[in-house]
Amino acid sequence: METSNPEIIVIDDEIELRDVIVRILNENQYPALPAASAEEGLALIERTQAPLVICDISMPKISGLELLATVRKTGLPCSLVMLTAHDDRERGMIALRLGAIDYVIKPVEIEALLLRVPLWLEISKRFQKVFLENRNAFKMLDLLRAKQGAQK
């Protein structure tokens, strides 16, 4: 299901889990799109500007932690929630230190996930709004500086 304005992108190389999460989110009125890899997910983030990304930490090629660092470094206005294995809480904590807003331990409890989604979206949309306002303010400041420089 292609959603023109997704609120959530789900990135996981485990097809069954990814598809279940996307289906449940869509059934509960949270427009979501799947991505099978960090590379595919990054392209979707850039194309759709979805405010929230749910991403597995352990993936081939580019890990979820590397994706999180890339999103932060490139200034994409989205928030990330990381999925981590039951025996890998430490990587969940690392993700929080790197800027993730939360992490979920696998196996994912769908009911608990659905209870947290509204909070995650609220945080994500507020972050996105502030981020875009600040970016616009800096653009205006740059224009003013350029105008002042041209007048000298």
Protein backbone atom coordinates (compact mmCIF):
# COMPACT_ATOMS: atom_id res chain seq x y z
CA MET A 1 0.00 0.00 0.00
CA GLU A 2 1.62 3.26 -1.14
CA THR A 3 0.76 6.17 1.10
CA SER A 4 1.39 9.65 -0.31
CA ASN A 5 1.83 11.26 3.12
CA PRO A 6 3.01 8.60 5.55
CA GLU A 7 3.37 9.48 9.18
CA ILE A 8 5.63 6.50 9.85
CA ILE A 9 8.32 4.59 7.96
CA VAL A 10 9.14 1.10 9.25
CA ILE A 11 12.65 -0.11 8.38
CA ASP A 12 13.51 -3.72 9.08
CA ASP A 13 15.18 -6.46 7.06
CA GLU A 14 12.88 -9.04 8.71
CA ILE A 15 10.03 -9.01 6.19
CA GLU A 16 7.39 -10.65 8.40
CA LEU A 17 7.86 -8.29 11.35
CA ARG A 18 8.11 -5.24 9.09
CA ASP A 19 4.93 -6.14 7.21
CA VAL A 20 2.99 -6.90 10.40
CA ILE A 21 3.95 -3.56 11.96
CA VAL A 22 3.08 -1.63 8.78
CA ARG A 23 -0.24 -3.44 8.39
CA ILE A 24 -1.23 -2.87 12.03
CA LEU A 25 -0.25 0.80 11.86
CA ASN A 26 -2.26 1.33 8.67
CA GLU A 27 -5.26 -0.53 10.13
CA ASN A 28 -5.12 1.82 13.13
CA GLN A 29 -5.11 4.99 11.02
CA TYR A 30 -1.35 5.61 11.16
CA PRO A 31 -0.26 5.83 7.51
CA ALA A 32 2.94 3.79 7.25
CA LEU A 33 5.36 2.61 4.57
CA PRO A 34 7.84 -0.29 4.72
CA ALA A 35 11.53 -0.28 3.85
CA ALA A 36 13.72 -3.40 3.72
CA SER A 37 17.05 -1.67 4.34
CA ALA A 38 18.58 1.49 5.74
CA GLU A 39 19.34 2.68 2.21
CA GLU A 40 15.72 2.21 1.11
CA GLY A 41 14.52 3.80 4.34
CA LEU A 42 16.75 6.86 3.92
CA ALA A 43 15.39 7.40 0.40
CA LEU A 44 11.82 7.21 1.76
CA ILE A 45 12.63 9.61 4.60
CA GLU A 46 14.06 12.11 2.12
CA ARG A 47 11.17 11.70 -0.33
CA THR A 48 8.23 11.72 2.09
CA GLN A 49 9.44 13.79 5.06
CA ALA A 50 7.60 11.36 7.39
CA PRO A 51 7.96 12.62 10.96
CA LEU A 52 8.52 9.18 12.56
CA VAL A 53 10.76 6.25 11.66
CA ILE A 54 10.70 2.87 13.41
CA CYS A 55 13.97 1.15 12.57
CA ASP A 56 15.71 -2.10 13.44
CA ILE A 57 19.19 -1.63 14.89
CA SER A 58 20.71 -4.81 13.40
CA MET A 59 20.57 -4.85 9.61
CA PRO A 60 23.06 -5.87 6.92
CA LYS A 61 25.26 -3.25 5.24
CA ILE A 62 24.07 -0.15 7.14
CA SER A 63 22.87 -0.63 10.70
CA GLY A 64 20.03 1.27 12.29
CA LEU A 65 22.56 3.12 14.47
CA GLU A 66 24.44 4.24 11.36
CA LEU A 67 21.13 5.37 9.81
CA LEU A 68 20.33 7.32 12.99
CA ALA A 69 23.72 9.05 12.82
CA THR A 70 23.19 9.85 9.12
CA VAL A 71 19.73 11.30 9.76
CA ARG A 72 21.10 13.51 12.54
CA LYS A 73 24.18 14.58 10.51
CA THR A 74 22.21 15.44 7.36
CA GLY A 75 19.56 17.34 9.30
CA LEU A 76 16.51 15.37 8.22
CA PRO A 77 13.53 16.45 10.37
CA CYS A 78 12.34 13.10 11.68
CA SER A 79 12.48 11.17 14.93
CA LEU A 80 13.60 7.56 15.22
CA VAL A 81 12.42 4.72 17.44
CA MET A 82 14.79 1.78 17.36
CA LEU A 83 13.97 -1.95 17.48
CA THR A 84 16.48 -4.12 19.31
CA ALA A 85 16.81 -7.79 20.20
CA HIS A 86 15.76 -8.96 23.66
CA ASP A 87 19.36 -9.56 24.73
CA ASP A 88 20.64 -6.26 23.30
CA ARG A 89 19.33 -3.50 25.61
CA GLU A 90 22.74 -1.83 25.60
CA ARG A 91 22.40 -0.96 21.91
CA GLY A 92 18.97 0.49 22.68
CA MET A 93 20.59 2.76 25.24
CA ILE A 94 23.29 3.72 22.74
CA ALA A 95 20.52 4.66 20.29
CA LEU A 96 18.96 6.94 22.91
CA ARG A 97 22.33 8.62 23.48
CA LEU A 98 22.64 9.15 19.71
CA GLY A 99 19.25 10.86 19.51
CA ALA A 100 16.56 8.19 19.16
CA ILE A 101 13.37 9.07 21.04
CA ASP A 102 12.76 5.50 22.25
CA TYR A 103 13.58 1.87 21.65
CA VAL A 104 11.44 -1.28 21.57
CA ILE A 105 12.67 -4.74 22.48
CA LYS A 106 11.88 -7.63 20.14
CA PRO A 107 9.69 -9.58 20.00
CA VAL A 108 7.48 -6.54 19.55
CA GLU A 109 4.29 -6.48 21.57
CA ILE A 110 1.87 -4.92 19.10
CA GLU A 111 -0.56 -3.62 21.75
CA ALA A 112 2.26 -1.87 23.62
CA LEU A 113 3.56 -0.45 20.33
CA LEU A 114 0.14 0.97 19.46
CA LEU A 115 -0.13 2.58 22.89
CA ARG A 116 3.19 4.39 22.34
CA VAL A 117 2.65 5.52 18.73
CA PRO A 118 0.53 8.61 19.59
CA LEU A 119 3.22 9.88 21.98
CA TRP A 120 5.98 9.18 19.46
CA LEU A 121 4.07 11.03 16.74
CA GLU A 122 3.43 14.00 19.01
CA ILE A 123 7.12 14.23 19.89
CA SER A 124 8.09 13.76 16.23
CA LYS A 125 5.72 16.38 14.88
CA ARG A 126 6.81 18.93 17.50
CA PHE A 127 10.45 18.23 16.69
CA GLN A 128 9.74 18.55 12.97
CA LYS A 129 7.91 21.87 13.48
CA VAL A 130 10.71 23.38 15.60
CA PHE A 131 13.36 22.04 13.23
CA LEU A 132 11.69 23.58 10.17
CA GLU A 133 11.04 26.89 11.95
CA ASN A 134 14.71 27.10 12.95
CA ARG A 135 15.85 26.18 9.44
CA ASN A 136 13.64 28.93 8.00
CA ALA A 137 14.92 31.44 10.58
CA PHE A 138 18.52 30.66 9.61
CA LYS A 139 17.67 31.07 5.92
CA MET A 140 16.16 34.50 6.64
CA LEU A 141 19.24 35.46 8.67
CA ASP A 142 21.50 34.42 5.79
CA LEU A 143 19.41 36.52 3.38
CA LEU A 144 19.65 39.54 5.67
CA ARG A 145 23.42 39.11 5.99
CA ALA A 146 23.75 38.81 2.21
CA LYS A 147 21.64 41.93 1.71
CA GLN A 148 23.72 43.89 4.24
CA GLY A 149 26.93 42.69 2.57
CA ALA A 150 25.66 43.82 -0.83
CA GLN A 151 24.81 47.29 0.52
CA LYS A 152 28.39 47.91 1.75
